[in-house]
N, C-alpha and C. Protein backbone atom coordinates (compact mmCIF):
# COMPACT_ATOMS: atom_id res chain seq x y z
N MET A 1 0.80 -1.21 0.00
CA MET A 1 0.00 0.00 0.00
C MET A 1 0.84 1.27 0.00
N PRO A 2 2.08 1.26 0.51
CA PRO A 2 2.82 2.53 0.53
C PRO A 2 3.18 3.03 -0.87
N TYR A 3 3.07 2.19 -1.87
CA TYR A 3 3.44 2.59 -3.23
C TYR A 3 2.24 3.04 -4.06
N TYR A 4 1.02 2.87 -3.54
CA TYR A 4 -0.17 3.25 -4.27
C TYR A 4 -0.38 4.76 -4.24
N THR A 5 -0.91 5.28 -5.34
CA THR A 5 -1.36 6.67 -5.34
C THR A 5 -2.71 6.72 -4.64
N LYS A 6 -3.19 7.92 -4.33
CA LYS A 6 -4.50 8.04 -3.67
C LYS A 6 -5.60 7.42 -4.53
N GLU A 7 -5.51 7.61 -5.83
CA GLU A 7 -6.52 7.06 -6.73
C GLU A 7 -6.45 5.53 -6.76
N GLU A 8 -5.25 4.97 -6.79
CA GLU A 8 -5.08 3.52 -6.85
C GLU A 8 -5.59 2.82 -5.59
N ILE A 9 -5.54 3.50 -4.46
CA ILE A 9 -6.02 2.91 -3.21
C ILE A 9 -7.51 2.60 -3.30
N LEU A 10 -8.25 3.32 -4.14
CA LEU A 10 -9.69 3.09 -4.30
C LEU A 10 -10.00 1.66 -4.74
N ARG A 11 -9.08 1.01 -5.39
CA ARG A 11 -9.34 -0.36 -5.86
C ARG A 11 -9.57 -1.29 -4.68
N HIS A 12 -9.14 -0.90 -3.49
CA HIS A 12 -9.32 -1.74 -2.31
C HIS A 12 -10.63 -1.44 -1.59
N SER A 13 -11.46 -0.60 -2.17
CA SER A 13 -12.75 -0.29 -1.55
C SER A 13 -13.80 -1.35 -1.87
N VAL A 14 -13.47 -2.31 -2.70
CA VAL A 14 -14.36 -3.43 -3.00
C VAL A 14 -13.62 -4.72 -2.72
N LYS A 15 -14.37 -5.76 -2.39
CA LYS A 15 -13.75 -7.06 -2.12
C LYS A 15 -13.29 -7.67 -3.44
N PRO A 16 -12.13 -8.33 -3.42
CA PRO A 16 -11.68 -9.00 -4.64
C PRO A 16 -12.54 -10.23 -4.93
N GLY A 17 -12.62 -10.57 -6.19
CA GLY A 17 -13.39 -11.74 -6.59
C GLY A 17 -12.50 -12.75 -7.29
N ILE A 18 -13.12 -13.75 -7.88
CA ILE A 18 -12.35 -14.78 -8.58
C ILE A 18 -11.95 -14.33 -9.98
N SER A 19 -12.58 -13.28 -10.46
CA SER A 19 -12.22 -12.69 -11.74
C SER A 19 -12.38 -11.19 -11.58
N GLY A 20 -12.11 -10.47 -12.64
CA GLY A 20 -12.24 -9.02 -12.56
C GLY A 20 -12.12 -8.39 -13.92
N TRP A 21 -12.37 -7.09 -13.98
CA TRP A 21 -12.34 -6.35 -15.24
C TRP A 21 -10.95 -6.37 -15.85
N ALA A 22 -9.93 -6.21 -15.03
CA ALA A 22 -8.55 -6.26 -15.55
C ALA A 22 -8.22 -7.67 -16.04
N GLN A 23 -8.70 -8.69 -15.33
CA GLN A 23 -8.40 -10.06 -15.71
C GLN A 23 -8.98 -10.43 -17.07
N VAL A 24 -10.20 -9.98 -17.35
CA VAL A 24 -10.81 -10.33 -18.63
C VAL A 24 -10.32 -9.44 -19.76
N ASN A 25 -9.52 -8.42 -19.42
CA ASN A 25 -9.00 -7.51 -20.44
C ASN A 25 -7.50 -7.63 -20.64
N GLY A 26 -6.93 -8.76 -20.25
CA GLY A 26 -5.52 -8.95 -20.55
C GLY A 26 -4.68 -9.59 -19.47
N ARG A 27 -5.18 -9.63 -18.26
CA ARG A 27 -4.46 -10.26 -17.14
C ARG A 27 -3.01 -9.81 -17.06
N ASN A 28 -2.09 -10.76 -17.04
CA ASN A 28 -0.67 -10.46 -16.84
C ASN A 28 -0.03 -9.74 -18.02
N ALA A 29 -0.70 -9.70 -19.15
CA ALA A 29 -0.14 -9.00 -20.31
C ALA A 29 -0.25 -7.49 -20.15
N LEU A 30 -1.03 -7.05 -19.17
CA LEU A 30 -1.23 -5.62 -18.93
C LEU A 30 -0.11 -5.05 -18.08
N THR A 31 0.17 -3.78 -18.27
CA THR A 31 1.10 -3.10 -17.38
C THR A 31 0.39 -2.84 -16.06
N TRP A 32 1.14 -2.50 -15.03
CA TRP A 32 0.51 -2.18 -13.76
C TRP A 32 -0.45 -1.01 -13.90
N GLU A 33 -0.09 0.00 -14.70
CA GLU A 33 -0.97 1.14 -14.88
C GLU A 33 -2.29 0.73 -15.55
N GLU A 34 -2.21 -0.17 -16.52
CA GLU A 34 -3.43 -0.64 -17.19
C GLU A 34 -4.30 -1.43 -16.23
N ARG A 35 -3.68 -2.29 -15.41
CA ARG A 35 -4.45 -3.05 -14.43
C ARG A 35 -5.18 -2.12 -13.47
N PHE A 36 -4.46 -1.12 -12.96
CA PHE A 36 -5.09 -0.18 -12.04
C PHE A 36 -6.20 0.59 -12.73
N SER A 37 -6.00 0.95 -13.97
CA SER A 37 -7.02 1.69 -14.71
C SER A 37 -8.30 0.86 -14.81
N TYR A 38 -8.17 -0.42 -15.16
CA TYR A 38 -9.34 -1.30 -15.24
C TYR A 38 -9.98 -1.47 -13.87
N ASP A 39 -9.17 -1.64 -12.82
CA ASP A 39 -9.72 -1.79 -11.48
C ASP A 39 -10.49 -0.55 -11.05
N LEU A 40 -9.94 0.62 -11.36
CA LEU A 40 -10.63 1.86 -10.99
C LEU A 40 -11.91 2.05 -11.80
N GLU A 41 -11.87 1.65 -13.08
CA GLU A 41 -13.09 1.72 -13.91
C GLU A 41 -14.18 0.84 -13.29
N TYR A 42 -13.78 -0.34 -12.81
CA TYR A 42 -14.74 -1.23 -12.17
C TYR A 42 -15.34 -0.59 -10.93
N VAL A 43 -14.50 -0.05 -10.06
CA VAL A 43 -14.96 0.58 -8.81
C VAL A 43 -15.92 1.73 -9.12
N GLN A 44 -15.62 2.51 -10.14
CA GLN A 44 -16.43 3.68 -10.48
C GLN A 44 -17.75 3.31 -11.16
N ASN A 45 -17.83 2.10 -11.71
CA ASN A 45 -19.04 1.68 -12.42
C ASN A 45 -19.66 0.42 -11.83
N LEU A 46 -19.49 0.23 -10.55
CA LEU A 46 -19.95 -0.95 -9.84
C LEU A 46 -21.45 -1.16 -10.03
N SER A 47 -21.82 -2.35 -10.52
CA SER A 47 -23.23 -2.69 -10.68
C SER A 47 -23.35 -4.19 -10.90
N ALA A 48 -24.54 -4.69 -10.68
CA ALA A 48 -24.80 -6.11 -10.92
C ALA A 48 -24.64 -6.43 -12.40
N ALA A 49 -25.05 -5.52 -13.26
CA ALA A 49 -24.93 -5.73 -14.70
C ALA A 49 -23.46 -5.83 -15.11
N PHE A 50 -22.61 -4.99 -14.53
CA PHE A 50 -21.18 -5.02 -14.84
C PHE A 50 -20.58 -6.33 -14.34
N ASP A 51 -20.97 -6.77 -13.14
CA ASP A 51 -20.49 -8.05 -12.61
C ASP A 51 -20.91 -9.20 -13.52
N LEU A 52 -22.15 -9.18 -13.99
CA LEU A 52 -22.63 -10.23 -14.88
C LEU A 52 -21.82 -10.24 -16.18
N LYS A 53 -21.54 -9.07 -16.71
CA LYS A 53 -20.72 -8.97 -17.92
C LYS A 53 -19.35 -9.62 -17.70
N ILE A 54 -18.73 -9.34 -16.55
CA ILE A 54 -17.41 -9.91 -16.25
C ILE A 54 -17.50 -11.43 -16.13
N VAL A 55 -18.54 -11.92 -15.47
CA VAL A 55 -18.72 -13.37 -15.32
C VAL A 55 -18.87 -14.03 -16.69
N LEU A 56 -19.69 -13.45 -17.55
CA LEU A 56 -19.91 -14.03 -18.88
C LEU A 56 -18.64 -14.01 -19.73
N ILE A 57 -17.90 -12.91 -19.66
CA ILE A 57 -16.63 -12.84 -20.41
C ILE A 57 -15.64 -13.85 -19.85
N THR A 58 -15.61 -13.99 -18.52
CA THR A 58 -14.71 -14.96 -17.90
C THR A 58 -15.02 -16.37 -18.38
N ILE A 59 -16.29 -16.73 -18.39
CA ILE A 59 -16.69 -18.07 -18.87
C ILE A 59 -16.27 -18.27 -20.31
N ARG A 60 -16.51 -17.25 -21.15
CA ARG A 60 -16.11 -17.35 -22.56
C ARG A 60 -14.61 -17.56 -22.70
N LYS A 61 -13.83 -16.82 -21.94
CA LYS A 61 -12.37 -16.93 -22.03
C LYS A 61 -11.88 -18.28 -21.52
N ILE A 62 -12.53 -18.83 -20.49
CA ILE A 62 -12.17 -20.16 -20.00
C ILE A 62 -12.43 -21.20 -21.08
N ILE A 63 -13.58 -21.13 -21.69
CA ILE A 63 -13.94 -22.09 -22.75
C ILE A 63 -13.00 -21.97 -23.94
N GLN A 64 -12.67 -20.74 -24.33
CA GLN A 64 -11.78 -20.51 -25.46
C GLN A 64 -10.31 -20.76 -25.12
N GLY A 65 -10.00 -20.74 -23.84
CA GLY A 65 -8.60 -20.89 -23.43
C GLY A 65 -7.75 -19.69 -23.77
N SER A 66 -8.37 -18.51 -23.84
CA SER A 66 -7.61 -17.31 -24.20
C SER A 66 -7.02 -16.64 -22.97
N ASN A 67 -5.97 -15.86 -23.21
CA ASN A 67 -5.27 -15.12 -22.15
C ASN A 67 -4.66 -16.04 -21.09
N VAL A 68 -4.26 -17.22 -21.50
CA VAL A 68 -3.63 -18.14 -20.56
C VAL A 68 -2.14 -17.86 -20.58
N GLY A 69 -1.58 -17.61 -19.43
CA GLY A 69 -0.16 -17.30 -19.34
C GLY A 69 0.55 -18.25 -18.41
N VAL A 70 1.85 -18.24 -18.50
CA VAL A 70 2.68 -19.04 -17.62
C VAL A 70 3.39 -18.09 -16.68
N ARG A 71 3.30 -18.35 -15.40
CA ARG A 71 3.91 -17.46 -14.40
C ARG A 71 5.39 -17.26 -14.72
N GLY A 72 5.79 -15.98 -14.76
CA GLY A 72 7.19 -15.65 -14.99
C GLY A 72 7.56 -15.48 -16.46
N ILE A 73 6.66 -15.82 -17.36
CA ILE A 73 6.95 -15.68 -18.79
C ILE A 73 6.03 -14.60 -19.35
N GLY A 74 6.64 -13.52 -19.84
CA GLY A 74 5.87 -12.44 -20.43
C GLY A 74 5.07 -11.64 -19.42
N THR A 75 5.42 -11.77 -18.16
CA THR A 75 4.70 -11.02 -17.14
C THR A 75 5.61 -9.95 -16.56
N GLU A 76 4.97 -8.95 -15.99
CA GLU A 76 5.72 -7.87 -15.38
C GLU A 76 6.21 -8.27 -14.00
N ILE A 77 7.16 -7.54 -13.49
CA ILE A 77 7.69 -7.82 -12.17
C ILE A 77 6.66 -7.53 -11.09
N ASP A 78 6.91 -8.01 -9.89
CA ASP A 78 6.01 -7.73 -8.77
C ASP A 78 5.83 -6.23 -8.61
N PHE A 79 4.65 -5.83 -8.17
CA PHE A 79 4.33 -4.41 -8.03
C PHE A 79 5.32 -3.70 -7.11
N HIS A 80 5.66 -4.33 -6.00
CA HIS A 80 6.60 -3.74 -5.04
C HIS A 80 7.92 -3.39 -5.73
N GLU A 81 8.48 -4.32 -6.49
CA GLU A 81 9.74 -4.07 -7.20
C GLU A 81 9.56 -3.02 -8.29
N TYR A 82 8.43 -3.08 -8.98
CA TYR A 82 8.13 -2.14 -10.06
C TYR A 82 8.14 -0.70 -9.55
N ARG A 83 7.42 -0.44 -8.43
CA ARG A 83 7.35 0.91 -7.91
C ARG A 83 8.68 1.35 -7.31
N LYS A 84 9.44 0.43 -6.70
CA LYS A 84 10.76 0.79 -6.18
C LYS A 84 11.65 1.26 -7.33
N GLU A 85 11.59 0.56 -8.46
CA GLU A 85 12.38 0.96 -9.63
C GLU A 85 11.91 2.31 -10.16
N GLN A 86 10.61 2.53 -10.19
CA GLN A 86 10.08 3.83 -10.65
C GLN A 86 10.57 4.96 -9.76
N GLN A 87 10.52 4.74 -8.46
CA GLN A 87 10.98 5.77 -7.51
C GLN A 87 12.47 6.05 -7.69
N ALA A 88 13.27 5.02 -7.89
CA ALA A 88 14.71 5.19 -8.08
C ALA A 88 14.98 5.99 -9.34
N ARG A 89 14.24 5.71 -10.42
CA ARG A 89 14.41 6.47 -11.67
C ARG A 89 14.02 7.93 -11.49
N ASN A 90 12.94 8.16 -10.73
CA ASN A 90 12.51 9.55 -10.48
C ASN A 90 13.57 10.31 -9.68
N VAL A 91 14.19 9.66 -8.73
CA VAL A 91 15.23 10.30 -7.92
C VAL A 91 16.42 10.66 -8.80
N GLN A 92 16.81 9.73 -9.69
CA GLN A 92 17.94 9.96 -10.59
C GLN A 92 17.66 11.11 -11.56
N SER A 93 16.45 11.16 -12.10
CA SER A 93 16.14 12.20 -13.08
C SER A 93 15.93 13.57 -12.44
N ASN A 94 15.57 13.57 -11.16
CA ASN A 94 15.35 14.84 -10.45
C ASN A 94 16.56 15.32 -9.66
N GLY A 95 17.59 14.50 -9.57
CA GLY A 95 18.71 14.93 -8.74
C GLY A 95 19.98 14.62 -9.35
């Protein structure tokens, strides 16, 4: 949590589920910023209809076998490491 922006913290205002808007839109292929963007879009548009849409897309993707990834291959680094690297780059460019 210490690395989240104020806006990104909003994603924790809802309970996590077995799937999500970011998961059906690219999962690990997304950058951290894209994942947060999808999570925030979900929080801002929370509704039963949106949840149903996510469930239906999830079922379709499971049946099709799409967006299946292997841990560590083509995925981004852990968020903690990612933000530490971002902060280090900001310090270097500003000082």
